[in-house]
Amino acid sequence: MTDISNVPVNPAAVIMDLEQALAWRNAKRVEGKQLVITNGCFDILHRGHAQYLYESRCFGDIQLVLINSDRSVRELKGSSRPIVSEYDRAYLLASLSSVDAVVIFDSQICAKELRALAPDVYVKGGDYNVEKLNSVERAALLDCKAEFHFIPFVENFSTTGMLEKIKKAT
């Protein structure tokens, strides 16, 4: 007989729509779990992302990552992006042990999702501070009394930098 107690959660099972994430969030709140949320495009997953997500997860008990849809990445980064599709990006993120849930959102900002999920902690990269956050997102986070943390980037790791390196190599 195979012992399945050590089998990891299927990453596809933790990719949720907002309604599923709300039910999950409410169940975790009843358990007293502190929710960390971060967001971004996460186009080509690299070590900088992995370290950032590990460090952000350390600020709470569970972590949900909001990722931009393919459409919103194109609006933010240009017509050649994303390189990796939204579902594949979500699956890769959900595969990380520091990520407990992933939700894809279809706009340039995730204020609706932040307001609905009401994180205890919100984390962004070191190129941000409270003043640099989108004002609507910041208001949603302040309304739910989220704690803010800003994590420095890992040097020499960025999707844009990786794409430039690939272009030079070809």
C-alpha atoms as a PDB file:
ATOM      1  CA  MET A   1       0.000   0.000   0.000  1.00  0.00           C
ATOM      2  CA  THR A   2       1.305   3.444  -0.960  1.00  0.00           C
ATOM      3  CA  ASP A   3       1.622   6.107   1.745  1.00  0.00           C
ATOM      4  CA  ILE A   4      -0.053   9.225   0.358  1.00  0.00           C
ATOM      5  CA  SER A   5       0.301  11.311   3.517  1.00  0.00           C
ATOM      6  CA  ASN A   6       3.480  12.849   2.121  1.00  0.00           C
ATOM      7  CA  VAL A   7       2.155  13.582  -1.385  1.00  0.00           C
ATOM      8  CA  PRO A   8       2.205  17.305  -2.134  1.00  0.00           C
ATOM      9  CA  VAL A   9      -0.955  19.166  -3.081  1.00  0.00           C
ATOM     10  CA  ASN A  10      -1.639  19.216  -6.808  1.00  0.00           C
ATOM     11  CA  PRO A  11      -0.723  22.765  -7.923  1.00  0.00           C
ATOM     12  CA  ALA A  12      -3.835  22.911 -10.125  1.00  0.00           C
ATOM     13  CA  ALA A  13      -5.963  22.523  -6.996  1.00  0.00           C
ATOM     14  CA  VAL A  14      -4.730  25.811  -5.507  1.00  0.00           C
ATOM     15  CA  ILE A  15      -5.306  27.939  -8.617  1.00  0.00           C
ATOM     16  CA  MET A  16      -8.598  29.571  -7.716  1.00  0.00           C
ATOM     17  CA  ASP A  17     -11.049  32.134  -8.979  1.00  0.00           C
ATOM     18  CA  LEU A  18     -11.955  34.952  -6.596  1.00  0.00           C
ATOM     19  CA  GLU A  19     -15.060  33.195  -5.261  1.00  0.00           C
ATOM     20  CA  GLN A  20     -13.082  30.039  -4.417  1.00  0.00           C
ATOM     21  CA  ALA A  21     -10.318  32.123  -2.870  1.00  0.00           C
ATOM     22  CA  LEU A  22     -12.839  33.944  -0.668  1.00  0.00           C
ATOM     23  CA  ALA A  23     -14.187  30.646   0.674  1.00  0.00           C
ATOM     24  CA  TRP A  24     -10.618  29.441   1.261  1.00  0.00           C
ATOM     25  CA  ARG A  25      -9.684  32.733   2.935  1.00  0.00           C
ATOM     26  CA  ASN A  26     -12.727  32.624   5.221  1.00  0.00           C
ATOM     27  CA  ALA A  27     -11.947  29.044   6.286  1.00  0.00           C
ATOM     28  CA  LYS A  28      -8.334  30.002   7.032  1.00  0.00           C
ATOM     29  CA  ARG A  29      -9.467  33.095   8.957  1.00  0.00           C
ATOM     30  CA  VAL A  30     -11.625  30.855  11.194  1.00  0.00           C
ATOM     31  CA  GLU A  31      -8.465  28.801  11.845  1.00  0.00           C
ATOM     32  CA  GLY A  32      -6.688  32.008  12.905  1.00  0.00           C
ATOM     33  CA  LYS A  33      -4.285  32.001   9.946  1.00  0.00           C
ATOM     34  CA  GLN A  34      -2.528  35.238   8.963  1.00  0.00           C
ATOM     35  CA  LEU A  35      -2.837  35.803   5.188  1.00  0.00           C
ATOM     36  CA  VAL A  36       0.004  37.292   3.158  1.00  0.00           C
ATOM     37  CA  ILE A  37      -0.799  38.571  -0.334  1.00  0.00           C
ATOM     38  CA  THR A  38       1.555  39.720  -3.031  1.00  0.00           C
ATOM     39  CA  ASN A  39       0.915  40.349  -6.696  1.00  0.00           C
ATOM     40  CA  GLY A  40       2.639  40.696 -10.035  1.00  0.00           C
ATOM     41  CA  CYS A  41       3.128  39.313 -13.523  1.00  0.00           C
ATOM     42  CA  PHE A  42       5.715  36.598 -12.682  1.00  0.00           C
ATOM     43  CA  ASP A  43       6.260  36.104 -16.408  1.00  0.00           C
ATOM     44  CA  ILE A  44       9.415  33.986 -16.455  1.00  0.00           C
ATOM     45  CA  LEU A  45       9.817  32.428 -13.025  1.00  0.00           C
ATOM     46  CA  HIS A  46      13.400  32.844 -11.776  1.00  0.00           C
ATOM     47  CA  ARG A  47      15.392  32.669  -8.570  1.00  0.00           C
ATOM     48  CA  GLY A  48      14.583  36.263  -7.674  1.00  0.00           C
ATOM     49  CA  HIS A  49      10.872  35.405  -7.717  1.00  0.00           C
ATOM     50  CA  ALA A  50      11.416  32.231  -5.677  1.00  0.00           C
ATOM     51  CA  GLN A  51      13.431  34.052  -3.003  1.00  0.00           C
ATOM     52  CA  TYR A  52      10.961  36.944  -2.915  1.00  0.00           C
ATOM     53  CA  LEU A  53       8.018  34.552  -2.459  1.00  0.00           C
ATOM     54  CA  TYR A  54       9.858  32.580   0.217  1.00  0.00           C
ATOM     55  CA  GLU A  55      10.673  35.765   2.133  1.00  0.00           C
ATOM     56  CA  SER A  56       7.169  37.191   1.778  1.00  0.00           C
ATOM     57  CA  ARG A  57       5.641  33.950   3.069  1.00  0.00           C
ATOM     58  CA  CYS A  58       7.667  34.388   6.276  1.00  0.00           C
ATOM     59  CA  PHE A  59       5.405  37.333   7.230  1.00  0.00           C
ATOM     60  CA  GLY A  60       2.336  35.124   7.761  1.00  0.00           C
ATOM     61  CA  ASP A  61       0.862  31.642   7.958  1.00  0.00           C
ATOM     62  CA  ILE A  62      -0.444  31.338   4.403  1.00  0.00           C
ATOM     63  CA  GLN A  63       0.304  33.129   1.151  1.00  0.00           C
ATOM     64  CA  LEU A  64      -1.901  33.921  -1.812  1.00  0.00           C
ATOM     65  CA  VAL A  65      -0.366  35.304  -4.993  1.00  0.00           C
ATOM     66  CA  LEU A  66      -2.454  37.461  -7.317  1.00  0.00           C
ATOM     67  CA  ILE A  67      -1.131  37.318 -10.881  1.00  0.00           C
ATOM     68  CA  ASN A  68      -1.962  39.477 -13.865  1.00  0.00           C
ATOM     69  CA  SER A  69      -3.880  37.807 -16.685  1.00  0.00           C
ATOM     70  CA  ASP A  70      -2.265  37.565 -20.114  1.00  0.00           C
ATOM     71  CA  ARG A  71      -4.362  40.518 -21.284  1.00  0.00           C
ATOM     72  CA  SER A  72      -3.295  42.746 -18.403  1.00  0.00           C
ATOM     73  CA  VAL A  73       0.377  41.757 -18.810  1.00  0.00           C
ATOM     74  CA  ARG A  74       0.178  42.867 -22.465  1.00  0.00           C
ATOM     75  CA  GLU A  75      -1.292  46.186 -21.323  1.00  0.00           C
ATOM     76  CA  LEU A  76       1.478  46.658 -18.762  1.00  0.00           C
ATOM     77  CA  LYS A  77       4.514  45.212 -20.577  1.00  0.00           C
ATOM     78  CA  GLY A  78       3.717  45.411 -24.289  1.00  0.00           C
ATOM     79  CA  SER A  79       2.452  43.143 -27.048  1.00  0.00           C
ATOM     80  CA  SER A  80       5.374  40.686 -26.859  1.00  0.00           C
ATOM     81  CA  ARG A  81       4.535  39.728 -23.277  1.00  0.00           C
ATOM     82  CA  PRO A  82       3.758  37.549 -21.485  1.00  0.00           C
ATOM     83  CA  ILE A  83       6.185  34.875 -22.565  1.00  0.00           C
ATOM     84  CA  VAL A  84       4.480  32.272 -20.360  1.00  0.00           C
ATOM     85  CA  SER A  85       0.673  31.937 -20.350  1.00  0.00           C
ATOM     86  CA  GLU A  86      -1.371  32.911 -17.292  1.00  0.00           C
ATOM     87  CA  TYR A  87      -2.325  29.327 -16.412  1.00  0.00           C
ATOM     88  CA  ASP A  88       1.252  28.106 -16.759  1.00  0.00           C
ATOM     89  CA  ARG A  89       2.528  31.008 -14.619  1.00  0.00           C
ATOM     90  CA  ALA A  90      -0.132  30.237 -12.000  1.00  0.00           C
ATOM     91  CA  TYR A  91       0.773  26.529 -12.033  1.00  0.00           C
ATOM     92  CA  LEU A  92       4.484  27.237 -11.586  1.00  0.00           C
ATOM     93  CA  LEU A  93       3.788  29.587  -8.671  1.00  0.00           C
ATOM     94  CA  ALA A  94       1.370  27.098  -7.102  1.00  0.00           C
ATOM     95  CA  SER A  95       4.148  24.487  -7.266  1.00  0.00           C
ATOM     96  CA  LEU A  96       6.289  26.461  -4.820  1.00  0.00           C
ATOM     97  CA  SER A  97       6.044  25.403  -1.177  1.00  0.00           C
ATOM     98  CA  SER A  98       5.845  29.074  -0.118  1.00  0.00           C
ATOM     99  CA  VAL A  99       2.644  29.625  -2.138  1.00  0.00           C
ATOM    100  CA  ASP A 100      -0.660  28.320  -0.804  1.00  0.00           C
ATOM    101  CA  ALA A 101      -3.041  29.757  -3.401  1.00  0.00           C
ATOM    102  CA  VAL A 102      -2.979  31.655  -6.703  1.00  0.00           C
ATOM    103  CA  VAL A 103      -5.650  33.871  -8.262  1.00  0.00           C
ATOM    104  CA  ILE A 104      -5.450  35.351 -11.761  1.00  0.00           C
ATOM    105  CA  PHE A 105      -6.906  38.862 -12.072  1.00  0.00           C
ATOM    106  CA  ASP A 106      -7.813  40.564 -15.329  1.00  0.00           C
ATOM    107  CA  SER A 107      -6.987  44.231 -14.858  1.00  0.00           C
ATOM    108  CA  GLN A 108      -3.907  46.352 -14.321  1.00  0.00           C
ATOM    109  CA  ILE A 109      -4.698  46.709 -10.630  1.00  0.00           C
ATOM    110  CA  CYS A 110      -6.000  44.187  -8.118  1.00  0.00           C
ATOM    111  CA  ALA A 111      -7.898  46.495  -5.737  1.00  0.00           C
ATOM    112  CA  LYS A 112     -11.126  44.472  -6.043  1.00  0.00           C
ATOM    113  CA  GLU A 113      -9.309  41.279  -5.067  1.00  0.00           C
ATOM    114  CA  LEU A 114      -7.389  42.951  -2.232  1.00  0.00           C
ATOM    115  CA  ARG A 115     -10.565  44.478  -0.818  1.00  0.00           C
ATOM    116  CA  ALA A 116     -12.422  41.150  -1.003  1.00  0.00           C
ATOM    117  CA  LEU A 117      -9.613  38.986   0.418  1.00  0.00           C
ATOM    118  CA  ALA A 118      -8.560  41.501   3.102  1.00  0.00           C
ATOM    119  CA  PRO A 119      -4.988  40.313   3.679  1.00  0.00           C
ATOM    120  CA  ASP A 120      -3.341  40.685   7.047  1.00  0.00           C
ATOM    121  CA  VAL A 121      -0.031  41.394   5.302  1.00  0.00           C
ATOM    122  CA  TYR A 122       0.753  42.826   1.863  1.00  0.00           C
ATOM    123  CA  VAL A 123       4.221  42.417   0.356  1.00  0.00           C
ATOM    124  CA  LYS A 124       5.829  44.055  -2.682  1.00  0.00           C
ATOM    125  CA  GLY A 125       9.320  44.287  -4.114  1.00  0.00           C
ATOM    126  CA  GLY A 126      11.877  46.840  -3.025  1.00  0.00           C
ATOM    127  CA  ASP A 127      11.155  49.177  -5.935  1.00  0.00           C
ATOM    128  CA  TYR A 128       7.911  50.058  -4.131  1.00  0.00           C
ATOM    129  CA  ASN A 129       7.002  51.840  -0.925  1.00  0.00           C
ATOM    130  CA  VAL A 130       3.581  52.776   0.464  1.00  0.00           C
ATOM    131  CA  GLU A 131       3.514  56.034  -1.500  1.00  0.00           C
ATOM    132  CA  LYS A 132       4.388  54.295  -4.805  1.00  0.00           C
ATOM    133  CA  LEU A 133       1.550  51.767  -4.542  1.00  0.00           C
ATOM    134  CA  ASN A 134      -1.440  52.370  -6.786  1.00  0.00           C
ATOM    135  CA  SER A 135      -3.689  54.703  -4.795  1.00  0.00           C
ATOM    136  CA  VAL A 136      -6.797  52.513  -5.205  1.00  0.00           C
ATOM    137  CA  GLU A 137      -4.900  49.383  -4.124  1.00  0.00           C
ATOM    138  CA  ARG A 138      -3.347  51.286  -1.211  1.00  0.00           C
ATOM    139  CA  ALA A 139      -6.803  52.472  -0.071  1.00  0.00           C
ATOM    140  CA  ALA A 140      -8.147  48.904  -0.197  1.00  0.00           C
ATOM    141  CA  LEU A 141      -5.216  47.677   1.892  1.00  0.00           C
ATOM    142  CA  LEU A 142      -5.488  50.509   4.399  1.00  0.00           C
ATOM    143  CA  ASP A 143      -9.229  49.821   4.772  1.00  0.00           C
ATOM    144  CA  CYS A 144      -8.510  46.231   5.802  1.00  0.00           C
ATOM    145  CA  LYS A 145      -5.624  47.383   8.028  1.00  0.00           C
ATOM    146  CA  ALA A 146      -3.032  45.286   6.187  1.00  0.00           C
ATOM    147  CA  GLU A 147       0.562  45.448   7.343  1.00  0.00           C
ATOM    148  CA  PHE A 148       3.000  46.470   4.560  1.00  0.00           C
ATOM    149  CA  HIS A 149       6.414  44.942   3.823  1.00  0.00           C
ATOM    150  CA  PHE A 150       8.816  45.731   0.976  1.00  0.00           C
ATOM    151  CA  ILE A 151      11.482  43.163   0.108  1.00  0.00           C
ATOM    152  CA  PRO A 152      14.712  44.108  -1.705  1.00  0.00           C
ATOM    153  CA  PHE A 153      15.308  42.526  -5.103  1.00  0.00           C
ATOM    154  CA  VAL A 154      17.831  39.755  -5.597  1.00  0.00           C
ATOM    155  CA  GLU A 155      20.568  41.357  -7.712  1.00  0.00           C
ATOM    156  CA  ASN A 156      20.805  40.397 -11.391  1.00  0.00           C
ATOM    157  CA  PHE A 157      17.428  38.645 -11.574  1.00  0.00           C
ATOM    158  CA  SER A 158      14.571  40.121 -13.568  1.00  0.00           C
ATOM    159  CA  THR A 159      12.411  38.856 -16.397  1.00  0.00           C
ATOM    160  CA  THR A 160      13.328  41.878 -18.526  1.00  0.00           C
ATOM    161  CA  GLY A 161      17.039  41.278 -17.853  1.00  0.00           C
ATOM    162  CA  MET A 162      16.698  37.609 -18.745  1.00  0.00           C
ATOM    163  CA  LEU A 163      14.943  38.466 -22.023  1.00  0.00           C
ATOM    164  CA  GLU A 164      17.690  40.960 -22.915  1.00  0.00           C
ATOM    165  CA  LYS A 165      20.344  38.321 -22.215  1.00  0.00           C
ATOM    166  CA  ILE A 166      18.511  35.809 -24.437  1.00  0.00           C
ATOM    167  CA  LYS A 167      18.287  38.376 -27.275  1.00  0.00           C
ATOM    168  CA  LYS A 168      22.030  39.071 -27.070  1.00  0.00           C
ATOM    169  CA  ALA A 169      22.793  35.338 -27.168  1.00  0.00           C
ATOM    170  CA  THR A 170      20.847  34.773 -30.388  1.00  0.00           C
END
